[in-house]
Amino acid sequence: MSASESSVLAKGLLLTGQLEGEGNIKILGTVKGKIMLNGDCHVDQQGQVDGDIEAENIFLAGKVTGNLAALNRVEILGTGQVHGDIRVPRISISDGASINGHVHVGDV
């Protein structure tokens, strides 16, 4: 799977365990475990992740309880919630977003 291909974890689905590989993912359900991608991770408004996320880019409109690390950027939309630390070269935080943790912006 190339980094331009995408997968979807549909609303109502629960994935328990580590998720890793090439490509992009859109999470509408729940992941309980670590996510490590050579691609982008989109956590939709109804999506939830209980674990760390490492990806090229992370787009968050839902809830993450864990640390975020992106090679390029993290974008947290107004509905996004992070309970953990963020380490990223660039970050965008919309009005209304919630972060409970440390944010390190710069070299990762």
N, C-alpha and C. Protein backbone atom coordinates (compact mmCIF):
# COMPACT_ATOMS: atom_id res chain seq x y z
N MET A 1 0.86 -1.18 0.00
CA MET A 1 0.00 0.00 0.00
C MET A 1 0.90 1.23 0.00
N SER A 2 0.65 2.15 -0.91
CA SER A 2 1.45 3.37 -0.94
C SER A 2 0.86 4.40 0.02
N ALA A 3 1.69 5.42 0.33
CA ALA A 3 1.26 6.45 1.29
C ALA A 3 0.06 7.23 0.78
N SER A 4 -0.24 7.16 -0.52
CA SER A 4 -1.38 7.90 -1.05
C SER A 4 -2.70 7.13 -0.88
N GLU A 5 -2.63 5.85 -0.52
CA GLU A 5 -3.84 5.07 -0.31
C GLU A 5 -4.37 5.30 1.09
N SER A 6 -5.69 5.18 1.25
CA SER A 6 -6.33 5.45 2.54
C SER A 6 -7.19 4.29 2.99
N SER A 7 -7.27 4.13 4.30
CA SER A 7 -8.16 3.17 4.92
C SER A 7 -9.06 3.91 5.89
N VAL A 8 -10.22 3.32 6.19
CA VAL A 8 -11.17 3.94 7.11
C VAL A 8 -11.54 2.92 8.19
N LEU A 9 -11.48 3.36 9.45
CA LEU A 9 -12.02 2.59 10.56
C LEU A 9 -13.38 3.21 10.85
N ALA A 10 -14.44 2.52 10.45
CA ALA A 10 -15.78 3.07 10.48
C ALA A 10 -16.30 3.30 11.90
N LYS A 11 -17.26 4.22 11.98
CA LYS A 11 -17.93 4.52 13.25
C LYS A 11 -18.54 3.23 13.79
N GLY A 12 -18.38 3.02 15.10
CA GLY A 12 -18.92 1.83 15.74
C GLY A 12 -17.92 0.69 15.82
N LEU A 13 -16.79 0.77 15.08
CA LEU A 13 -15.78 -0.28 15.13
C LEU A 13 -14.75 0.02 16.21
N LEU A 14 -14.25 -1.03 16.85
CA LEU A 14 -13.21 -0.94 17.87
C LEU A 14 -12.03 -1.78 17.41
N LEU A 15 -10.85 -1.15 17.34
CA LEU A 15 -9.62 -1.86 17.03
C LEU A 15 -8.75 -1.85 18.28
N THR A 16 -8.39 -3.03 18.76
CA THR A 16 -7.53 -3.14 19.93
C THR A 16 -6.20 -3.75 19.49
N GLY A 17 -5.10 -3.03 19.77
CA GLY A 17 -3.78 -3.50 19.38
C GLY A 17 -3.03 -2.42 18.62
N GLN A 18 -1.84 -2.76 18.17
CA GLN A 18 -1.00 -1.79 17.46
C GLN A 18 -1.38 -1.75 15.98
N LEU A 19 -1.46 -0.53 15.44
CA LEU A 19 -1.76 -0.33 14.03
C LEU A 19 -0.54 0.32 13.40
N GLU A 20 0.05 -0.33 12.39
CA GLU A 20 1.23 0.24 11.77
C GLU A 20 1.28 -0.11 10.30
N GLY A 21 2.00 0.76 9.54
CA GLY A 21 2.18 0.47 8.13
C GLY A 21 2.26 1.72 7.28
N GLU A 22 2.11 1.51 5.97
CA GLU A 22 2.16 2.57 4.96
C GLU A 22 0.73 2.98 4.64
N GLY A 23 0.54 4.24 4.31
CA GLY A 23 -0.76 4.72 3.88
C GLY A 23 -1.40 5.63 4.91
N ASN A 24 -2.56 6.12 4.55
CA ASN A 24 -3.30 7.05 5.40
C ASN A 24 -4.48 6.34 6.03
N ILE A 25 -4.91 6.84 7.19
CA ILE A 25 -6.10 6.27 7.83
C ILE A 25 -7.00 7.38 8.33
N LYS A 26 -8.29 7.13 8.22
CA LYS A 26 -9.30 8.02 8.80
C LYS A 26 -10.02 7.20 9.86
N ILE A 27 -10.02 7.72 11.09
CA ILE A 27 -10.60 6.99 12.21
C ILE A 27 -11.92 7.64 12.61
N LEU A 28 -13.01 6.89 12.43
CA LEU A 28 -14.33 7.32 12.85
C LEU A 28 -14.79 6.51 14.05
N GLY A 29 -14.13 5.39 14.31
CA GLY A 29 -14.44 4.53 15.44
C GLY A 29 -13.44 4.76 16.57
N THR A 30 -13.04 3.66 17.23
CA THR A 30 -12.14 3.73 18.38
C THR A 30 -10.94 2.82 18.17
N VAL A 31 -9.76 3.35 18.48
CA VAL A 31 -8.53 2.56 18.48
C VAL A 31 -7.97 2.56 19.89
N LYS A 32 -7.72 1.36 20.43
CA LYS A 32 -7.07 1.22 21.74
C LYS A 32 -5.73 0.57 21.50
N GLY A 33 -4.71 1.41 21.34
CA GLY A 33 -3.37 0.93 21.06
C GLY A 33 -2.60 1.97 20.28
N LYS A 34 -1.34 1.69 20.03
CA LYS A 34 -0.45 2.63 19.36
C LYS A 34 -0.67 2.60 17.85
N ILE A 35 -0.57 3.79 17.23
CA ILE A 35 -0.67 3.92 15.78
C ILE A 35 0.67 4.45 15.28
N MET A 36 1.30 3.74 14.32
CA MET A 36 2.56 4.17 13.71
C MET A 36 2.41 4.07 12.20
N LEU A 37 2.36 5.22 11.53
CA LEU A 37 2.10 5.24 10.09
C LEU A 37 3.17 5.99 9.31
N ASN A 38 3.49 5.49 8.13
CA ASN A 38 4.20 6.26 7.11
C ASN A 38 3.10 6.82 6.22
N GLY A 39 2.41 7.80 6.72
CA GLY A 39 1.26 8.41 6.06
C GLY A 39 0.57 9.33 7.06
N ASP A 40 -0.64 9.74 6.73
CA ASP A 40 -1.39 10.67 7.56
C ASP A 40 -2.43 9.95 8.39
N CYS A 41 -2.67 10.48 9.59
CA CYS A 41 -3.70 9.95 10.48
C CYS A 41 -4.74 11.04 10.71
N HIS A 42 -5.98 10.76 10.34
CA HIS A 42 -7.10 11.68 10.54
C HIS A 42 -8.01 11.05 11.60
N VAL A 43 -8.20 11.76 12.70
CA VAL A 43 -9.13 11.30 13.73
C VAL A 43 -10.37 12.19 13.61
N ASP A 44 -11.45 11.62 13.09
CA ASP A 44 -12.68 12.36 12.84
C ASP A 44 -13.33 12.79 14.15
N GLN A 45 -14.31 13.65 14.06
CA GLN A 45 -14.96 14.22 15.25
C GLN A 45 -15.49 13.15 16.19
N GLN A 46 -16.05 12.07 15.66
CA GLN A 46 -16.57 11.00 16.52
C GLN A 46 -15.51 9.93 16.80
N GLY A 47 -14.30 10.09 16.25
CA GLY A 47 -13.22 9.13 16.46
C GLY A 47 -12.53 9.31 17.80
N GLN A 48 -11.95 8.22 18.29
CA GLN A 48 -11.25 8.25 19.57
C GLN A 48 -10.05 7.31 19.50
N VAL A 49 -8.92 7.76 20.03
CA VAL A 49 -7.71 6.94 20.11
C VAL A 49 -7.22 6.94 21.55
N ASP A 50 -7.06 5.76 22.11
CA ASP A 50 -6.47 5.59 23.44
C ASP A 50 -5.10 4.97 23.23
N GLY A 51 -4.12 5.80 22.90
CA GLY A 51 -2.76 5.35 22.63
C GLY A 51 -2.00 6.42 21.88
N ASP A 52 -0.70 6.21 21.73
CA ASP A 52 0.14 7.19 21.05
C ASP A 52 -0.06 7.11 19.54
N ILE A 53 0.15 8.25 18.87
CA ILE A 53 0.09 8.30 17.41
C ILE A 53 1.41 8.87 16.89
N GLU A 54 2.03 8.15 15.95
CA GLU A 54 3.20 8.62 15.22
C GLU A 54 2.86 8.54 13.74
N ALA A 55 2.96 9.69 13.04
CA ALA A 55 2.59 9.71 11.63
C ALA A 55 3.28 10.88 10.93
N GLU A 56 3.16 10.91 9.60
CA GLU A 56 3.69 12.05 8.83
C GLU A 56 2.97 13.33 9.26
N ASN A 57 1.64 13.30 9.20
CA ASN A 57 0.77 14.41 9.59
C ASN A 57 -0.36 13.83 10.42
N ILE A 58 -0.82 14.61 11.40
CA ILE A 58 -1.95 14.19 12.24
C ILE A 58 -2.99 15.29 12.20
N PHE A 59 -4.22 14.93 11.83
CA PHE A 59 -5.35 15.85 11.78
C PHE A 59 -6.37 15.37 12.80
N LEU A 60 -6.67 16.20 13.78
CA LEU A 60 -7.47 15.75 14.91
C LEU A 60 -8.72 16.60 15.10
N ALA A 61 -9.87 15.94 14.96
CA ALA A 61 -11.15 16.58 15.28
C ALA A 61 -11.84 15.84 16.42
N GLY A 62 -11.32 14.66 16.76
CA GLY A 62 -11.88 13.83 17.83
C GLY A 62 -11.02 13.89 19.08
N LYS A 63 -10.92 12.75 19.78
CA LYS A 63 -10.24 12.72 21.08
C LYS A 63 -9.09 11.72 21.06
N VAL A 64 -7.94 12.16 21.57
CA VAL A 64 -6.78 11.28 21.73
C VAL A 64 -6.31 11.34 23.17
N THR A 65 -6.20 10.17 23.79
CA THR A 65 -5.57 10.05 25.10
C THR A 65 -4.26 9.32 24.86
N GLY A 66 -3.20 10.10 24.68
CA GLY A 66 -1.89 9.57 24.36
C GLY A 66 -1.05 10.67 23.74
N ASN A 67 0.18 10.36 23.44
CA ASN A 67 1.11 11.35 22.89
C ASN A 67 1.04 11.39 21.36
N LEU A 68 1.25 12.57 20.79
CA LEU A 68 1.26 12.75 19.35
C LEU A 68 2.67 13.12 18.90
N ALA A 69 3.16 12.48 17.84
CA ALA A 69 4.45 12.84 17.24
C ALA A 69 4.27 12.78 15.73
N ALA A 70 4.52 13.90 15.06
CA ALA A 70 4.37 13.96 13.60
C ALA A 70 5.67 14.45 12.99
N LEU A 71 6.00 13.91 11.82
CA LEU A 71 7.21 14.35 11.12
C LEU A 71 7.03 15.73 10.50
N ASN A 72 5.80 16.06 10.09
CA ASN A 72 5.53 17.34 9.43
C ASN A 72 4.70 18.30 10.26
N ARG A 73 3.43 17.93 10.53
CA ARG A 73 2.55 18.85 11.25
C ARG A 73 1.42 18.13 11.96
N VAL A 74 0.92 18.82 12.98
CA VAL A 74 -0.30 18.41 13.67
C VAL A 74 -1.29 19.54 13.51
N GLU A 75 -2.52 19.20 13.15
CA GLU A 75 -3.60 20.18 13.05
C GLU A 75 -4.72 19.73 13.96
N ILE A 76 -5.03 20.57 14.97
CA ILE A 76 -6.09 20.25 15.91
C ILE A 76 -7.26 21.19 15.65
N LEU A 77 -8.37 20.62 15.23
CA LEU A 77 -9.56 21.41 14.93
C LEU A 77 -10.29 21.78 16.22
N GLY A 78 -11.28 22.63 16.12
CA GLY A 78 -11.99 23.15 17.29
C GLY A 78 -12.62 22.10 18.17
N THR A 79 -12.96 20.95 17.61
CA THR A 79 -13.56 19.86 18.39
C THR A 79 -12.52 18.87 18.92
N GLY A 80 -11.26 19.08 18.56
CA GLY A 80 -10.19 18.15 18.93
C GLY A 80 -9.79 18.26 20.39
N GLN A 81 -9.48 17.09 20.99
CA GLN A 81 -9.03 17.02 22.38
C GLN A 81 -7.81 16.12 22.46
N VAL A 82 -6.76 16.60 23.12
CA VAL A 82 -5.56 15.81 23.34
C VAL A 82 -5.27 15.76 24.83
N HIS A 83 -5.12 14.57 25.36
CA HIS A 83 -4.70 14.36 26.74
C HIS A 83 -3.36 13.63 26.66
N GLY A 84 -2.30 14.40 26.43
CA GLY A 84 -0.97 13.85 26.28
C GLY A 84 -0.05 14.91 25.67
N ASP A 85 1.19 14.55 25.47
CA ASP A 85 2.18 15.48 24.95
C ASP A 85 2.20 15.47 23.42
N ILE A 86 2.60 16.60 22.85
CA ILE A 86 2.68 16.75 21.40
C ILE A 86 4.10 17.17 21.05
N ARG A 87 4.69 16.48 20.06
CA ARG A 87 6.04 16.79 19.59
C ARG A 87 5.99 16.86 18.07
N VAL A 88 6.27 18.07 17.52
CA VAL A 88 6.03 18.27 16.09
C VAL A 88 6.82 19.49 15.59
N PRO A 89 7.21 19.51 14.31
CA PRO A 89 7.88 20.70 13.76
C PRO A 89 6.92 21.88 13.58
N ARG A 90 5.65 21.59 13.20
CA ARG A 90 4.66 22.65 12.97
C ARG A 90 3.32 22.19 13.54
N ILE A 91 2.57 23.19 14.10
CA ILE A 91 1.27 22.86 14.68
C ILE A 91 0.27 23.96 14.37
N SER A 92 -0.98 23.55 14.20
CA SER A 92 -2.08 24.48 14.02
C SER A 92 -3.17 24.08 15.02
N ILE A 93 -3.59 25.04 15.83
CA ILE A 93 -4.60 24.77 16.86
C ILE A 93 -5.76 25.73 16.66
N SER A 94 -6.93 25.19 16.36
CA SER A 94 -8.12 26.03 16.14
C SER A 94 -8.75 26.42 17.47
N ASP A 95 -9.48 27.51 17.43
CA ASP A 95 -10.22 27.99 18.60
C ASP A 95 -11.18 26.90 19.06
N GLY A 96 -11.18 26.61 20.35
CA GLY A 96 -12.06 25.60 20.92
C GLY A 96 -11.37 24.28 21.19
N ALA A 97 -10.18 24.06 20.60
CA ALA A 97 -9.44 22.82 20.82
C ALA A 97 -8.98 22.72 22.27
N SER A 98 -8.78 21.50 22.75
CA SER A 98 -8.36 21.27 24.13
C SER A 98 -7.09 20.43 24.15
N ILE A 99 -6.06 20.93 24.86
CA ILE A 99 -4.81 20.19 25.03
C ILE A 99 -4.48 20.14 26.50
N ASN A 100 -4.30 18.93 27.03
CA ASN A 100 -3.89 18.75 28.40
C ASN A 100 -2.57 17.97 28.37
N GLY A 101 -1.46 18.71 28.26
CA GLY A 101 -0.14 18.09 28.18
C GLY A 101 0.86 19.14 27.69
N HIS A 102 2.08 18.71 27.44
CA HIS A 102 3.13 19.60 26.97
C HIS A 102 3.16 19.61 25.44
N VAL A 103 3.49 20.77 24.87
CA VAL A 103 3.61 20.90 23.42
C VAL A 103 5.03 21.35 23.11
N HIS A 104 5.74 20.55 22.31
CA HIS A 104 7.08 20.91 21.85
C HIS A 104 7.02 21.12 20.34
N VAL A 105 7.28 22.34 19.91
CA VAL A 105 7.27 22.66 18.49
C VAL A 105 8.70 22.97 18.08
N GLY A 106 9.18 22.27 17.07
CA GLY A 106 10.56 22.44 16.59
C GLY A 106 11.06 21.11 16.08
N ASP A 107 12.36 20.92 16.12
CA ASP A 107 12.94 19.66 15.64
C ASP A 107 12.43 18.49 16.46
N VAL A 108 12.08 17.41 15.77
CA VAL A 108 11.59 16.22 16.47
C VAL A 108 12.64 15.14 16.46
